[in-house]
Structure formats: structure tokens, C-alpha cells
Protein backbone atom coordinates (compact mmCIF):
# COMPACT_ATOMS: atom_id res chain seq x y z
CA MET A 1 0.49 0.20 -0.06
CA SER A 2 1.56 3.46 -0.99
CA ILE A 3 1.57 6.39 1.11
CA LEU A 4 -1.12 8.26 -0.97
CA ASP A 5 -3.58 4.95 -0.34
CA GLY A 6 -3.23 5.14 3.86
CA ILE A 7 -4.05 8.74 3.07
CA LEU A 8 -7.37 8.58 1.02
CA LYS A 9 -8.59 5.99 3.80
CA ASN A 10 -8.82 8.65 5.95
CA ILE A 11 -10.98 10.84 3.62
CA GLY A 12 -14.31 10.15 4.35
CA GLY A 13 -16.28 9.91 0.66
CA ALA A 14 -12.72 9.35 -1.22
CA PRO A 15 -12.04 5.98 -2.59
CA ASP A 16 -9.94 3.61 -1.02
CA ASP A 17 -6.76 3.66 -2.74
CA VAL A 18 -5.14 5.02 -5.77
CA VAL A 19 -5.41 2.33 -8.18
CA ASN A 20 -9.57 2.94 -7.59
CA LEU A 21 -9.06 6.54 -7.97
CA ALA A 22 -7.22 6.03 -10.93
CA ALA A 23 -9.77 3.66 -12.74
CA LYS A 24 -12.92 6.39 -11.48
CA ILE A 25 -10.93 9.24 -12.53
CA GLY A 26 -9.97 6.84 -16.07
CA ILE A 27 -5.67 7.36 -16.52
CA ASP A 28 -3.07 5.45 -15.15
CA PRO A 29 -2.31 4.95 -10.87
CA ALA A 30 0.87 6.74 -11.42
CA MET A 31 -0.30 9.49 -13.26
CA ALA A 32 -3.04 9.57 -10.23
CA GLU A 33 -0.05 9.63 -7.54
CA LYS A 34 1.87 12.35 -9.41
CA ALA A 35 -1.44 14.72 -9.92
CA ILE A 36 -2.06 14.06 -6.11
CA ALA A 37 1.63 14.85 -5.09
CA ALA A 38 0.99 18.12 -7.67
CA LEU A 39 -2.06 19.07 -6.16
CA GLY A 40 -0.68 19.00 -2.77
CA GLN A 41 2.74 20.67 -3.39
CA THR A 42 0.52 23.55 -5.52
CA HIS A 43 -2.06 23.99 -3.03
CA GLN A 44 0.11 25.50 -0.94
CA MET A 45 1.33 27.90 -3.49
CA ASP A 46 0.17 31.77 -4.65
CA GLY A 47 -1.84 31.32 -7.48
CA ASP A 48 -4.88 28.94 -8.99
CA THR A 49 -3.82 25.13 -7.39
CA VAL A 50 -5.39 23.15 -10.42
CA THR A 51 -3.48 25.62 -12.92
CA LEU A 52 -0.20 25.38 -11.62
CA ALA A 53 -0.90 21.38 -10.73
CA ALA A 54 -1.80 20.83 -14.47
CA GLU A 55 1.76 23.04 -15.87
CA LYS A 56 3.03 20.82 -13.34
CA THR A 57 1.57 17.01 -14.87
CA GLY A 58 0.52 17.81 -18.20
CA LEU A 59 -2.84 16.85 -16.96
CA SER A 60 -6.12 18.59 -17.91
CA PRO A 61 -7.69 20.97 -15.87
CA ASP A 62 -10.96 19.10 -16.13
CA ILE A 63 -8.90 15.81 -15.51
CA LEU A 64 -7.38 17.35 -11.59
CA ASN A 65 -10.93 19.13 -11.11
CA GLN A 66 -12.10 15.55 -10.81
CA ILE A 67 -9.02 14.58 -8.56
CA VAL A 68 -9.40 17.59 -6.28
CA GLY A 69 -13.59 16.09 -6.05
CA ALA A 70 -13.13 12.59 -6.04
CA ILE A 71 -10.51 13.11 -2.58
CA GLY A 72 -12.48 15.89 -0.71
CA GLY A 73 -11.77 19.05 -2.43
CA GLU A 74 -9.91 21.66 -1.83
CA GLY A 75 -10.10 21.09 2.09
CA SER A 76 -8.73 17.18 1.64
CA LEU A 77 -5.36 18.79 -0.38
CA THR A 78 -4.36 20.65 2.66
CA ASN A 79 -4.59 17.23 3.99
CA PHE A 80 -2.05 15.67 2.01
CA ALA A 81 0.22 19.66 1.84
CA SER A 82 0.29 18.79 4.71
CA ILE A 83 0.95 15.21 5.52
CA LEU A 84 3.39 14.64 2.47
CA ASP A 85 5.67 17.89 3.12
CA ARG A 86 7.07 16.55 6.42
CA ASP A 87 9.66 19.16 6.74
CA GLY A 88 7.55 22.15 6.06
CA ASP A 89 9.65 23.87 3.03
CA GLY A 90 6.35 23.59 0.53
CA ASN A 91 7.95 20.38 -1.35
CA PRO A 92 6.92 17.63 -0.26
CA ILE A 93 8.01 15.31 -3.23
CA ASN A 94 11.25 15.09 -1.59
CA ASP A 95 9.64 14.53 1.44
CA ILE A 96 7.74 11.80 -0.42
CA MET A 97 11.63 10.66 -1.90
CA ASP A 98 12.61 10.35 1.76
CA MET A 99 9.66 7.61 2.50
CA ALA A 100 10.60 5.55 -0.10
CA LYS A 101 14.12 5.48 0.17
CA GLY A 102 12.54 4.32 4.05
CA LEU A 103 10.90 1.53 2.57
CA PHE A 104 13.39 -0.04 0.63
CA GLY A 105 15.34 0.52 3.03
CA LYS A 106 17.75 2.64 1.87
CA SER A 107 19.04 6.20 3.34
């Protein structure tokens, strides 16, 4: 189970895992994970969250808006951002990579 799966399970009404979310939206699970991470990151930035995430991922704003809706709206992005951005630097990607390294026993 991925870190994002664990977060999704704790959000009422959200799909139970990234695979189910991806299937619901009609995209690849890896792209769904990338989109969720980008939405969590861009939610903390100045500007429109979806527009900024679209620029980062190449996904259409329509798809990203569907993901935002499926995971519980803009408020849920704050949960993703705070959980994923452990060091509070506004960039959850480095923290996700550190967590992944820990899962695979690398330091």
C-alpha cells in the first residue's frame, strides 16, 4: 500500500486507494499519484491550485478537478500537503522520495 493509499482511506467519501481513484477518473495509477502530489504541492503556492498542477503534470484541468472532487475537495488538499510535506518547505516531493527510500531500506 502506498502512502497516498493510506491517506485516501482516512478521507471520508474518497476512493480507498490510488488504483480505485485512477479507475474512477480513467487515468493510469502512476499518473494519479503524480497528480495528487502535484495538487498537494501547488495547493500551498500562490495561484490557482489546479492550473499550477496542470502545468506540472501535463494533465488537463478537467481531470485534475475530478481528482480534487474525488478526494474530498480543496480542503482535503491541505491534509495531503501537510502529511506529505513533512519538513514544511512547501515541496512534498523530497519528503515522498525520503519516505520511499525508507520503504526500500535505502538511506
